[in-house]
Amino acid sequence: YTFSSGAANAVDTIRSPYVTEYTHTLSAARYLSVTYVVAAIDSSLNISPLSNRLSTIYLAVKNDSCKQRIELTWTPYINQAHPADRYELWLSADGAPAELYGTIPMTDTSYFFDDYHPSTHYCFYVTASGNTGGLSSSNMQCVTSGSETAPSWIRTDAITVENGYLLVKGSYDQATDMLGYITERYKPESQGWTMTGTAAGLNGIVTITVTAGDTNSINLYRISALNNCCREVASSPPARNMVLTS
């Protein structure tokens, strides 16, 4: 039976006392978590009490191309008779055989996949495992990552003063789709970075004017690339401006 809201709905009858497994070919487990119970039936068609309930693991994935990651969430594995001690995340990329990507504590039912490569077809499934091996596996979910390619490196090449303004000049890996760049100044009081200018890159070069820059104080600056969601995806190492006193 499938079991939902306290009611058992018959799926099939197995006409042998020696068969102890069954494949439910019309299961909705690829769309949601499904709960099952079984019962025994004798020759007089008397039905035993229902067994303990077991539910399938349902995995859902969300492609977050803005943050360049994939969010995975799944329903928990609950089985007191056969407890698991870990979840295992299995991954296939572009049709390759699935491989064990990592293990996740039983207290977690979500994971952020950050090893994100552009235009890649990923397939995932989760297995609850114990000392005796795999106990239950989820459905498989597949998603194709976004096509934007972030620069593999960015450098801050120079910080100069021109016409009373700071100019932050940098270079970046041209094997990228991202042409929007910002410069940021480090704020020690908040231990964070704040945007101080923006410009478009061209042929691997970007020059950004810091209109609110203080040419009489020393600060840390860096250049960051923005994706199409205006999120930072890569940043240069920080560099300091120079101040001359006499």
C-alpha atoms as a PDB file:
ATOM      1  CA  TYR A   1       0.000   0.000   0.000  1.00  0.00           C
ATOM      2  CA  THR A   2       0.880   3.645  -0.327  1.00  0.00           C
ATOM      3  CA  PHE A   3       0.120   5.439   2.934  1.00  0.00           C
ATOM      4  CA  SER A   4      -0.967   9.052   3.261  1.00  0.00           C
ATOM      5  CA  SER A   5      -2.915  11.015   5.897  1.00  0.00           C
ATOM      6  CA  GLY A   6      -3.626   7.851   7.892  1.00  0.00           C
ATOM      7  CA  ALA A   7      -5.088   5.964   4.928  1.00  0.00           C
ATOM      8  CA  ALA A   8      -3.582   2.986   3.086  1.00  0.00           C
ATOM      9  CA  ASN A   9      -4.234   2.664  -0.654  1.00  0.00           C
ATOM     10  CA  ALA A  10      -3.678  -0.740  -2.254  1.00  0.00           C
ATOM     11  CA  VAL A  11      -1.054  -0.911  -4.991  1.00  0.00           C
ATOM     12  CA  ASP A  12      -0.876  -4.635  -5.781  1.00  0.00           C
ATOM     13  CA  THR A  13      -1.079  -8.147  -4.350  1.00  0.00           C
ATOM     14  CA  ILE A  14       1.863 -10.537  -4.388  1.00  0.00           C
ATOM     15  CA  ARG A  15       0.539 -14.072  -4.751  1.00  0.00           C
ATOM     16  CA  SER A  16       3.376 -15.870  -3.002  1.00  0.00           C
ATOM     17  CA  PRO A  17       4.520 -16.010   0.634  1.00  0.00           C
ATOM     18  CA  TYR A  18       8.119 -16.456  -0.551  1.00  0.00           C
ATOM     19  CA  VAL A  19       8.464 -13.187  -2.467  1.00  0.00           C
ATOM     20  CA  THR A  20       9.701 -10.392  -0.208  1.00  0.00           C
ATOM     21  CA  GLU A  21      10.378  -7.572  -2.656  1.00  0.00           C
ATOM     22  CA  TYR A  22       8.354  -5.625  -5.180  1.00  0.00           C
ATOM     23  CA  THR A  23       8.980  -2.980  -7.847  1.00  0.00           C
ATOM     24  CA  HIS A  24       6.348  -0.271  -8.059  1.00  0.00           C
ATOM     25  CA  THR A  25       6.678   0.839 -11.673  1.00  0.00           C
ATOM     26  CA  LEU A  26       4.006   3.558 -11.429  1.00  0.00           C
ATOM     27  CA  SER A  27       5.392   5.167  -8.288  1.00  0.00           C
ATOM     28  CA  ALA A  28       5.236   8.952  -7.916  1.00  0.00           C
ATOM     29  CA  ALA A  29       8.581   8.900  -6.069  1.00  0.00           C
ATOM     30  CA  ARG A  30      10.233  10.949  -8.819  1.00  0.00           C
ATOM     31  CA  TYR A  31       7.883  13.823  -7.956  1.00  0.00           C
ATOM     32  CA  LEU A  32       7.555  13.619  -4.149  1.00  0.00           C
ATOM     33  CA  SER A  33       8.311  11.474  -1.104  1.00  0.00           C
ATOM     34  CA  VAL A  34       6.057   8.383  -1.051  1.00  0.00           C
ATOM     35  CA  THR A  35       5.245   6.331   2.073  1.00  0.00           C
ATOM     36  CA  TYR A  36       4.653   2.570   1.842  1.00  0.00           C
ATOM     37  CA  VAL A  37       3.314  -0.137   4.150  1.00  0.00           C
ATOM     38  CA  VAL A  38       2.730  -3.869   3.573  1.00  0.00           C
ATOM     39  CA  ALA A  39       0.343  -6.421   5.052  1.00  0.00           C
ATOM     40  CA  ALA A  40       0.075 -10.205   4.943  1.00  0.00           C
ATOM     41  CA  ILE A  41      -3.076 -11.972   3.676  1.00  0.00           C
ATOM     42  CA  ASP A  42      -4.073 -15.568   4.383  1.00  0.00           C
ATOM     43  CA  SER A  43      -6.049 -18.069   2.295  1.00  0.00           C
ATOM     44  CA  SER A  44      -9.299 -16.782   3.772  1.00  0.00           C
ATOM     45  CA  LEU A  45      -8.421 -13.254   2.680  1.00  0.00           C
ATOM     46  CA  ASN A  46      -7.870 -12.046   6.230  1.00  0.00           C
ATOM     47  CA  ILE A  47      -5.474  -9.082   6.237  1.00  0.00           C
ATOM     48  CA  SER A  48      -2.870  -8.605   8.941  1.00  0.00           C
ATOM     49  CA  PRO A  49      -2.172  -5.292  10.667  1.00  0.00           C
ATOM     50  CA  LEU A  50      -0.152  -2.903   8.544  1.00  0.00           C
ATOM     51  CA  SER A  51       3.613  -2.912   8.814  1.00  0.00           C
ATOM     52  CA  ASN A  52       5.804  -0.024   9.887  1.00  0.00           C
ATOM     53  CA  ARG A  53       5.838   2.901   7.489  1.00  0.00           C
ATOM     54  CA  LEU A  54       8.809   3.687   5.234  1.00  0.00           C
ATOM     55  CA  SER A  55       9.124   6.740   3.002  1.00  0.00           C
ATOM     56  CA  THR A  56      11.236   7.311  -0.076  1.00  0.00           C
ATOM     57  CA  ILE A  57      13.819  10.096  -0.130  1.00  0.00           C
ATOM     58  CA  TYR A  58      12.794  12.884  -2.498  1.00  0.00           C
ATOM     59  CA  LEU A  59      15.555  15.130  -3.855  1.00  0.00           C
ATOM     60  CA  ALA A  60      14.916  18.585  -5.321  1.00  0.00           C
ATOM     61  CA  VAL A  61      17.528  20.788  -6.995  1.00  0.00           C
ATOM     62  CA  LYS A  62      17.576  24.496  -7.804  1.00  0.00           C
ATOM     63  CA  ASN A  63      20.016  26.052 -10.255  1.00  0.00           C
ATOM     64  CA  ASP A  64      21.215  29.381  -8.825  1.00  0.00           C
ATOM     65  CA  SER A  65      23.217  30.795 -11.727  1.00  0.00           C
ATOM     66  CA  CYS A  66      23.432  34.193 -10.009  1.00  0.00           C
ATOM     67  CA  LYS A  67      25.472  32.741  -7.148  1.00  0.00           C
ATOM     68  CA  GLN A  68      26.996  30.061  -9.427  1.00  0.00           C
ATOM     69  CA  ARG A  69      25.870  27.141  -7.323  1.00  0.00           C
ATOM     70  CA  ILE A  70      23.185  24.452  -7.201  1.00  0.00           C
ATOM     71  CA  GLU A  71      21.010  24.085  -4.116  1.00  0.00           C
ATOM     72  CA  LEU A  72      19.970  20.536  -3.179  1.00  0.00           C
ATOM     73  CA  THR A  73      17.266  19.690  -0.627  1.00  0.00           C
ATOM     74  CA  TRP A  74      15.795  16.300   0.256  1.00  0.00           C
ATOM     75  CA  THR A  75      13.299  14.679   2.615  1.00  0.00           C
ATOM     76  CA  PRO A  76      14.853  12.927   5.631  1.00  0.00           C
ATOM     77  CA  TYR A  77      15.504   9.194   5.858  1.00  0.00           C
ATOM     78  CA  ILE A  78      13.638   7.762   8.896  1.00  0.00           C
ATOM     79  CA  ASN A  79      13.916   4.064   9.733  1.00  0.00           C
ATOM     80  CA  GLN A  80      14.425   3.023  13.344  1.00  0.00           C
ATOM     81  CA  ALA A  81      14.836  -0.625  12.397  1.00  0.00           C
ATOM     82  CA  HIS A  82      17.708   0.173  10.008  1.00  0.00           C
ATOM     83  CA  PRO A  83      19.244   3.493  11.035  1.00  0.00           C
ATOM     84  CA  ALA A  84      21.659   5.318   8.732  1.00  0.00           C
ATOM     85  CA  ASP A  85      24.693   7.300   9.884  1.00  0.00           C
ATOM     86  CA  ARG A  86      25.282   9.504   6.825  1.00  0.00           C
ATOM     87  CA  TYR A  87      23.954  10.730   3.525  1.00  0.00           C
ATOM     88  CA  GLU A  88      26.062  10.208   0.434  1.00  0.00           C
ATOM     89  CA  LEU A  89      25.843  12.644  -2.473  1.00  0.00           C
ATOM     90  CA  TRP A  90      26.385  11.083  -5.892  1.00  0.00           C
ATOM     91  CA  LEU A  91      27.169  13.191  -8.956  1.00  0.00           C
ATOM     92  CA  SER A  92      27.321  12.695 -12.703  1.00  0.00           C
ATOM     93  CA  ALA A  93      28.604  15.442 -15.019  1.00  0.00           C
ATOM     94  CA  ASP A  94      27.826  15.516 -18.758  1.00  0.00           C
ATOM     95  CA  GLY A  95      26.752  11.869 -18.905  1.00  0.00           C
ATOM     96  CA  ALA A  96      29.740  10.402 -17.048  1.00  0.00           C
ATOM     97  CA  PRO A  97      29.116   7.536 -14.584  1.00  0.00           C
ATOM     98  CA  ALA A  98      27.889   8.736 -11.199  1.00  0.00           C
ATOM     99  CA  GLU A  99      30.612   9.041  -8.554  1.00  0.00           C
ATOM    100  CA  LEU A 100      30.494   9.628  -4.815  1.00  0.00           C
ATOM    101  CA  TYR A 101      30.982  13.369  -4.364  1.00  0.00           C
ATOM    102  CA  GLY A 102      30.897  13.588  -0.581  1.00  0.00           C
ATOM    103  CA  THR A 103      29.197  12.598   2.658  1.00  0.00           C
ATOM    104  CA  ILE A 104      26.725  14.717   4.623  1.00  0.00           C
ATOM    105  CA  PRO A 105      25.641  14.340   8.281  1.00  0.00           C
ATOM    106  CA  MET A 106      22.213  12.864   8.976  1.00  0.00           C
ATOM    107  CA  THR A 107      21.241  16.144  10.656  1.00  0.00           C
ATOM    108  CA  ASP A 108      21.390  17.954   7.294  1.00  0.00           C
ATOM    109  CA  THR A 109      18.852  17.717   4.484  1.00  0.00           C
ATOM    110  CA  SER A 110      20.286  20.397   2.207  1.00  0.00           C
ATOM    111  CA  TYR A 111      23.563  21.118   0.457  1.00  0.00           C
ATOM    112  CA  PHE A 112      25.066  23.845  -1.731  1.00  0.00           C
ATOM    113  CA  PHE A 113      27.055  22.484  -4.669  1.00  0.00           C
ATOM    114  CA  ASP A 114      29.697  25.140  -5.384  1.00  0.00           C
ATOM    115  CA  ASP A 115      31.967  23.268  -7.854  1.00  0.00           C
ATOM    116  CA  TYR A 116      29.975  24.939 -10.594  1.00  0.00           C
ATOM    117  CA  HIS A 117      31.203  24.856 -14.196  1.00  0.00           C
ATOM    118  CA  PRO A 118      29.336  26.722 -16.965  1.00  0.00           C
ATOM    119  CA  SER A 119      27.105  24.882 -19.452  1.00  0.00           C
ATOM    120  CA  THR A 120      27.489  21.528 -17.676  1.00  0.00           C
ATOM    121  CA  HIS A 121      24.718  18.922 -17.339  1.00  0.00           C
ATOM    122  CA  TYR A 122      24.746  17.707 -13.721  1.00  0.00           C
ATOM    123  CA  CYS A 123      22.750  14.785 -12.296  1.00  0.00           C
ATOM    124  CA  PHE A 124      22.479  14.154  -8.548  1.00  0.00           C
ATOM    125  CA  TYR A 125      21.018  11.598  -6.183  1.00  0.00           C
ATOM    126  CA  VAL A 126      21.322  11.043  -2.431  1.00  0.00           C
ATOM    127  CA  THR A 127      21.774   7.742  -0.594  1.00  0.00           C
ATOM    128  CA  ALA A 128      21.217   7.106   3.110  1.00  0.00           C
ATOM    129  CA  SER A 129      23.948   4.716   4.234  1.00  0.00           C
ATOM    130  CA  GLY A 130      24.995   2.826   7.351  1.00  0.00           C
ATOM    131  CA  ASN A 131      27.569   0.246   8.348  1.00  0.00           C
ATOM    132  CA  THR A 132      25.945  -2.322   6.067  1.00  0.00           C
ATOM    133  CA  GLY A 133      26.065  -0.026   3.031  1.00  0.00           C
ATOM    134  CA  GLY A 134      23.331   1.795   1.151  1.00  0.00           C
ATOM    135  CA  LEU A 135      19.885   1.625   2.756  1.00  0.00           C
ATOM    136  CA  SER A 136      17.804   3.958   0.599  1.00  0.00           C
ATOM    137  CA  SER A 137      18.406   6.067  -2.500  1.00  0.00           C
ATOM    138  CA  SER A 138      16.533   9.129  -3.686  1.00  0.00           C
ATOM    139  CA  ASN A 139      15.276   9.976  -7.134  1.00  0.00           C
ATOM    140  CA  MET A 140      17.773  11.451  -9.586  1.00  0.00           C
ATOM    141  CA  GLN A 141      17.551  15.142 -10.466  1.00  0.00           C
ATOM    142  CA  CYS A 142      19.384  16.730 -13.392  1.00  0.00           C
ATOM    143  CA  VAL A 143      20.070  20.376 -14.217  1.00  0.00           C
ATOM    144  CA  THR A 144      22.236  22.285 -16.684  1.00  0.00           C
ATOM    145  CA  SER A 145      24.338  25.080 -15.212  1.00  0.00           C
ATOM    146  CA  GLY A 146      24.356  28.621 -16.565  1.00  0.00           C
ATOM    147  CA  SER A 147      26.527  29.573 -19.529  1.00  0.00           C
ATOM    148  CA  GLU A 148      28.387  32.565 -18.047  1.00  0.00           C
ATOM    149  CA  THR A 149      32.109  32.050 -17.606  1.00  0.00           C
ATOM    150  CA  ALA A 150      33.789  33.989 -14.810  1.00  0.00           C
ATOM    151  CA  PRO A 151      37.375  35.247 -15.253  1.00  0.00           C
ATOM    152  CA  SER A 152      39.838  32.815 -13.722  1.00  0.00           C
ATOM    153  CA  TRP A 153      41.974  35.724 -12.489  1.00  0.00           C
ATOM    154  CA  ILE A 154      41.809  39.486 -11.950  1.00  0.00           C
ATOM    155  CA  ARG A 155      44.720  41.784 -11.062  1.00  0.00           C
ATOM    156  CA  THR A 156      44.888  45.316  -9.726  1.00  0.00           C
ATOM    157  CA  ASP A 157      47.822  46.673 -11.741  1.00  0.00           C
ATOM    158  CA  ALA A 158      48.005  50.303 -10.572  1.00  0.00           C
ATOM    159  CA  ILE A 159      46.320  52.953  -8.451  1.00  0.00           C
ATOM    160  CA  THR A 160      47.064  56.490  -9.593  1.00  0.00           C
ATOM    161  CA  VAL A 161      45.891  60.041  -8.890  1.00  0.00           C
ATOM    162  CA  GLU A 162      44.632  62.071 -11.848  1.00  0.00           C
ATOM    163  CA  ASN A 163      42.753  65.385 -11.636  1.00  0.00           C
ATOM    164  CA  GLY A 164      42.160  64.833  -7.936  1.00  0.00           C
ATOM    165  CA  TYR A 165      40.592  61.396  -8.430  1.00  0.00           C
ATOM    166  CA  LEU A 166      41.902  57.889  -7.760  1.00  0.00           C
ATOM    167  CA  LEU A 167      42.081  55.659 -10.824  1.00  0.00           C
ATOM    168  CA  VAL A 168      42.190  51.908 -10.198  1.00  0.00           C
ATOM    169  CA  LYS A 169      43.578  50.076 -13.226  1.00  0.00           C
ATOM    170  CA  GLY A 170      43.468  46.324 -13.657  1.00  0.00           C
ATOM    171  CA  SER A 171      43.550  43.387 -16.032  1.00  0.00           C
ATOM    172  CA  TYR A 172      41.587  40.140 -16.190  1.00  0.00           C
ATOM    173  CA  ASP A 173      41.354  36.800 -17.945  1.00  0.00           C
ATOM    174  CA  GLN A 174      39.784  37.453 -21.364  1.00  0.00           C
ATOM    175  CA  ALA A 175      38.237  33.970 -21.480  1.00  0.00           C
ATOM    176  CA  THR A 176      35.102  35.355 -19.792  1.00  0.00           C
ATOM    177  CA  ASP A 177      31.622  36.516 -20.721  1.00  0.00           C
ATOM    178  CA  MET A 178      31.576  39.129 -17.963  1.00  0.00           C
ATOM    179  CA  LEU A 179      32.470  42.694 -18.875  1.00  0.00           C
ATOM    180  CA  GLY A 180      31.053  44.546 -15.848  1.00  0.00           C
ATOM    181  CA  TYR A 181      33.594  45.425 -13.131  1.00  0.00           C
ATOM    182  CA  ILE A 182      33.561  47.395  -9.908  1.00  0.00           C
ATOM    183  CA  THR A 183      36.216  48.690  -7.577  1.00  0.00           C
ATOM    184  CA  GLU A 184      35.749  48.301  -3.815  1.00  0.00           C
ATOM    185  CA  ARG A 185      37.353  49.884  -0.785  1.00  0.00           C
ATOM    186  CA  TYR A 186      37.906  47.973   2.439  1.00  0.00           C
ATOM    187  CA  LYS A 187      36.250  49.415   5.542  1.00  0.00           C
ATOM    188  CA  PRO A 188      38.125  48.318   8.681  1.00  0.00           C
ATOM    189  CA  GLU A 189      35.291  49.373  10.998  1.00  0.00           C
ATOM    190  CA  SER A 190      32.873  46.913   9.375  1.00  0.00           C
ATOM    191  CA  GLN A 191      35.507  44.459   8.082  1.00  0.00           C
ATOM    192  CA  GLY A 192      33.777  44.558   4.715  1.00  0.00           C
ATOM    193  CA  TRP A 193      34.094  45.947   1.201  1.00  0.00           C
ATOM    194  CA  THR A 194      32.029  48.797  -0.231  1.00  0.00           C
ATOM    195  CA  MET A 195      31.668  49.687  -3.920  1.00  0.00           C
ATOM    196  CA  THR A 196      33.400  52.911  -4.946  1.00  0.00           C
ATOM    197  CA  GLY A 197      33.189  52.834  -8.748  1.00  0.00           C
ATOM    198  CA  THR A 198      32.150  50.840 -11.797  1.00  0.00           C
ATOM    199  CA  ALA A 199      33.267  50.474 -15.414  1.00  0.00           C
ATOM    200  CA  ALA A 200      33.160  48.084 -18.348  1.00  0.00           C
ATOM    201  CA  GLY A 201      36.174  46.003 -19.300  1.00  0.00           C
ATOM    202  CA  LEU A 202      37.618  45.954 -22.803  1.00  0.00           C
ATOM    203  CA  ASN A 203      40.213  43.552 -24.231  1.00  0.00           C
ATOM    204  CA  GLY A 204      41.261  42.386 -20.787  1.00  0.00           C
ATOM    205  CA  ILE A 205      41.784  45.905 -19.376  1.00  0.00           C
ATOM    206  CA  VAL A 206      39.574  47.896 -17.010  1.00  0.00           C
ATOM    207  CA  THR A 207      40.045  51.385 -15.531  1.00  0.00           C
ATOM    208  CA  ILE A 208      37.683  52.544 -12.789  1.00  0.00           C
ATOM    209  CA  THR A 209      37.438  56.050 -11.355  1.00  0.00           C
ATOM    210  CA  VAL A 210      36.963  56.250  -7.598  1.00  0.00           C
ATOM    211  CA  THR A 211      34.999  59.484  -7.433  1.00  0.00           C
ATOM    212  CA  ALA A 212      34.676  59.358  -3.634  1.00  0.00           C
ATOM    213  CA  GLY A 213      38.267  58.284  -3.103  1.00  0.00           C
ATOM    214  CA  ASP A 214      40.378  60.071  -0.519  1.00  0.00           C
ATOM    215  CA  THR A 215      43.756  60.827  -2.100  1.00  0.00           C
ATOM    216  CA  ASN A 216      45.155  61.872   1.294  1.00  0.00           C
ATOM    217  CA  SER A 217      44.570  58.585   3.117  1.00  0.00           C
ATOM    218  CA  ILE A 218      45.792  55.060   2.488  1.00  0.00           C
ATOM    219  CA  ASN A 219      43.143  52.410   1.829  1.00  0.00           C
ATOM    220  CA  LEU A 220      42.856  48.923   0.394  1.00  0.00           C
ATOM    221  CA  TYR A 221      41.179  48.595  -3.013  1.00  0.00           C
ATOM    222  CA  ARG A 222      40.277  45.640  -5.222  1.00  0.00           C
ATOM    223  CA  ILE A 223      38.552  44.988  -8.559  1.00  0.00           C
ATOM    224  CA  SER A 224      35.658  42.526  -8.816  1.00  0.00           C
ATOM    225  CA  ALA A 225      33.792  41.052 -11.790  1.00  0.00           C
ATOM    226  CA  LEU A 226      29.979  41.072 -11.871  1.00  0.00           C
ATOM    227  CA  ASN A 227      27.747  38.440 -13.466  1.00  0.00           C
ATOM    228  CA  ASN A 228      24.442  39.196 -15.179  1.00  0.00           C
ATOM    229  CA  CYS A 229      22.735  39.287 -11.766  1.00  0.00           C
ATOM    230  CA  CYS A 230      25.166  42.018 -10.606  1.00  0.00           C
ATOM    231  CA  ARG A 231      26.807  39.628  -8.138  1.00  0.00           C
ATOM    232  CA  GLU A 232      30.534  39.471  -7.538  1.00  0.00           C
ATOM    233  CA  VAL A 233      32.020  36.230  -8.843  1.00  0.00           C
ATOM    234  CA  ALA A 234      35.767  36.944  -8.821  1.00  0.00           C
ATOM    235  CA  SER A 235      37.998  39.545  -7.163  1.00  0.00           C
ATOM    236  CA  SER A 236      41.600  40.666  -7.440  1.00  0.00           C
ATOM    237  CA  PRO A 237      44.003  40.590  -4.497  1.00  0.00           C
ATOM    238  CA  PRO A 238      43.824  43.914  -2.624  1.00  0.00           C
ATOM    239  CA  ALA A 239      46.234  46.792  -3.337  1.00  0.00           C
ATOM    240  CA  ARG A 240      46.989  50.029  -1.477  1.00  0.00           C
ATOM    241  CA  ASN A 241      47.175  53.533  -2.883  1.00  0.00           C
ATOM    242  CA  MET A 242      50.208  55.716  -2.093  1.00  0.00           C
ATOM    243  CA  VAL A 243      50.121  59.048  -0.263  1.00  0.00           C
ATOM    244  CA  LEU A 244      52.961  61.591  -0.517  1.00  0.00           C
ATOM    245  CA  THR A 245      53.587  64.007   2.337  1.00  0.00           C
ATOM    246  CA  SER A 246      56.190  66.772   2.437  1.00  0.00           C
END
